[in-house]
Amino acid sequence: MRDDEKKKLHENLKQEIRSLLISSPKTKYGGLSGSLLYFDYKQLNCGKEIPCKLFIIQIKLDILFHQG
């Protein structure tokens, strides 16, 4: 996969995960569990899993906290 394709996929992934986190109902612990995030992502993407292996380094807390 080319670098520009990886960058576009990474940006889409961040946007999708951020949208899932924002739209999720609040729990008593204040957020969405990892397993629920995984399940919701698969439902949103027709059964496809989160492509974590492509973004081991890039998928950090910036997905959750970076706004740009």
C-alpha atoms as a PDB file:
ATOM      1  CA  MET A   1       0.000   0.000   0.000  1.00  0.00           C
ATOM      2  CA  ARG A   2       1.351   3.429  -0.970  1.00  0.00           C
ATOM      3  CA  ASP A   3       1.976   6.123   1.613  1.00  0.00           C
ATOM      4  CA  ASP A   4      -0.802   8.380   0.284  1.00  0.00           C
ATOM      5  CA  GLU A   5      -3.274   5.476   0.466  1.00  0.00           C
ATOM      6  CA  LYS A   6      -2.184   4.717   4.043  1.00  0.00           C
ATOM      7  CA  LYS A   7      -2.597   8.370   5.002  1.00  0.00           C
ATOM      8  CA  LYS A   8      -6.107   8.527   3.534  1.00  0.00           C
ATOM      9  CA  LEU A   9      -7.094   5.258   5.224  1.00  0.00           C
ATOM     10  CA  HIS A  10      -5.683   6.516   8.525  1.00  0.00           C
ATOM     11  CA  GLU A  11      -7.663   9.762   8.296  1.00  0.00           C
ATOM     12  CA  ASN A  12     -10.871   7.845   7.477  1.00  0.00           C
ATOM     13  CA  LEU A  13     -10.245   5.465  10.360  1.00  0.00           C
ATOM     14  CA  LYS A  14      -9.755   8.336  12.809  1.00  0.00           C
ATOM     15  CA  GLN A  15     -12.954   9.988  11.606  1.00  0.00           C
ATOM     16  CA  GLU A  16     -14.994   6.781  11.876  1.00  0.00           C
ATOM     17  CA  ILE A  17     -13.708   5.936  15.367  1.00  0.00           C
ATOM     18  CA  ARG A  18     -14.225   9.505  16.566  1.00  0.00           C
ATOM     19  CA  SER A  19     -17.799   9.415  15.223  1.00  0.00           C
ATOM     20  CA  LEU A  20     -18.490   6.129  16.995  1.00  0.00           C
ATOM     21  CA  LEU A  21     -17.123   7.480  20.270  1.00  0.00           C
ATOM     22  CA  ILE A  22     -19.128  10.696  20.040  1.00  0.00           C
ATOM     23  CA  SER A  23     -22.373   8.952  19.128  1.00  0.00           C
ATOM     24  CA  SER A  24     -22.089   6.199  21.729  1.00  0.00           C
ATOM     25  CA  PRO A  25     -24.280   6.348  24.820  1.00  0.00           C
ATOM     26  CA  LYS A  26     -22.403   7.292  27.946  1.00  0.00           C
ATOM     27  CA  THR A  27     -21.707   4.494  30.387  1.00  0.00           C
ATOM     28  CA  LYS A  28     -21.276   4.770  34.122  1.00  0.00           C
ATOM     29  CA  TYR A  29     -17.534   4.581  33.481  1.00  0.00           C
ATOM     30  CA  GLY A  30     -17.668   7.520  31.075  1.00  0.00           C
ATOM     31  CA  GLY A  31     -17.027   6.015  27.668  1.00  0.00           C
ATOM     32  CA  LEU A  32     -17.177   3.188  25.199  1.00  0.00           C
ATOM     33  CA  SER A  33     -15.378  -0.063  25.997  1.00  0.00           C
ATOM     34  CA  GLY A  34     -12.872  -1.476  23.553  1.00  0.00           C
ATOM     35  CA  SER A  35     -15.072  -4.461  22.791  1.00  0.00           C
ATOM     36  CA  LEU A  36     -18.103  -2.274  22.076  1.00  0.00           C
ATOM     37  CA  LEU A  37     -16.015   0.013  19.872  1.00  0.00           C
ATOM     38  CA  TYR A  38     -14.784  -3.044  17.954  1.00  0.00           C
ATOM     39  CA  PHE A  39     -18.352  -4.376  17.589  1.00  0.00           C
ATOM     40  CA  ASP A  40     -19.765  -1.005  16.489  1.00  0.00           C
ATOM     41  CA  TYR A  41     -16.949  -0.517  13.965  1.00  0.00           C
ATOM     42  CA  LYS A  42     -17.624  -3.938  12.430  1.00  0.00           C
ATOM     43  CA  GLN A  43     -21.333  -3.104  12.134  1.00  0.00           C
ATOM     44  CA  LEU A  44     -20.552   0.249  10.511  1.00  0.00           C
ATOM     45  CA  ASN A  45     -18.159  -1.331   8.016  1.00  0.00           C
ATOM     46  CA  CYS A  46     -20.064  -4.441   6.886  1.00  0.00           C
ATOM     47  CA  GLY A  47     -18.108  -6.830   9.095  1.00  0.00           C
ATOM     48  CA  LYS A  48     -14.638  -5.450   8.389  1.00  0.00           C
ATOM     49  CA  GLU A  49     -12.316  -5.261  11.387  1.00  0.00           C
ATOM     50  CA  ILE A  50     -10.389  -2.192  12.491  1.00  0.00           C
ATOM     51  CA  PRO A  51      -7.146  -2.282  10.434  1.00  0.00           C
ATOM     52  CA  CYS A  52      -4.863  -1.891  13.460  1.00  0.00           C
ATOM     53  CA  LYS A  53      -1.957  -3.788  11.910  1.00  0.00           C
ATOM     54  CA  LEU A  54      -1.486  -1.029   9.317  1.00  0.00           C
ATOM     55  CA  PHE A  55      -1.314   1.678  11.963  1.00  0.00           C
ATOM     56  CA  ILE A  56       0.471   0.268  14.985  1.00  0.00           C
ATOM     57  CA  ILE A  57       2.426   3.494  15.457  1.00  0.00           C
ATOM     58  CA  GLN A  58      -0.163   6.002  14.200  1.00  0.00           C
ATOM     59  CA  ILE A  59      -3.116   4.716  16.221  1.00  0.00           C
ATOM     60  CA  LYS A  60      -2.390   6.385  19.522  1.00  0.00           C
ATOM     61  CA  LEU A  61      -4.356   8.604  21.762  1.00  0.00           C
ATOM     62  CA  ASP A  62      -4.496  11.153  18.910  1.00  0.00           C
ATOM     63  CA  ILE A  63      -7.484   9.224  17.552  1.00  0.00           C
ATOM     64  CA  LEU A  64      -9.310  10.052  20.740  1.00  0.00           C
ATOM     65  CA  PHE A  65      -7.974  13.519  21.450  1.00  0.00           C
ATOM     66  CA  HIS A  66      -6.660  15.089  18.246  1.00  0.00           C
ATOM     67  CA  GLN A  67      -9.222  17.364  16.611  1.00  0.00           C
ATOM     68  CA  GLY A  68      -7.544  18.050  13.266  1.00  0.00           C
END
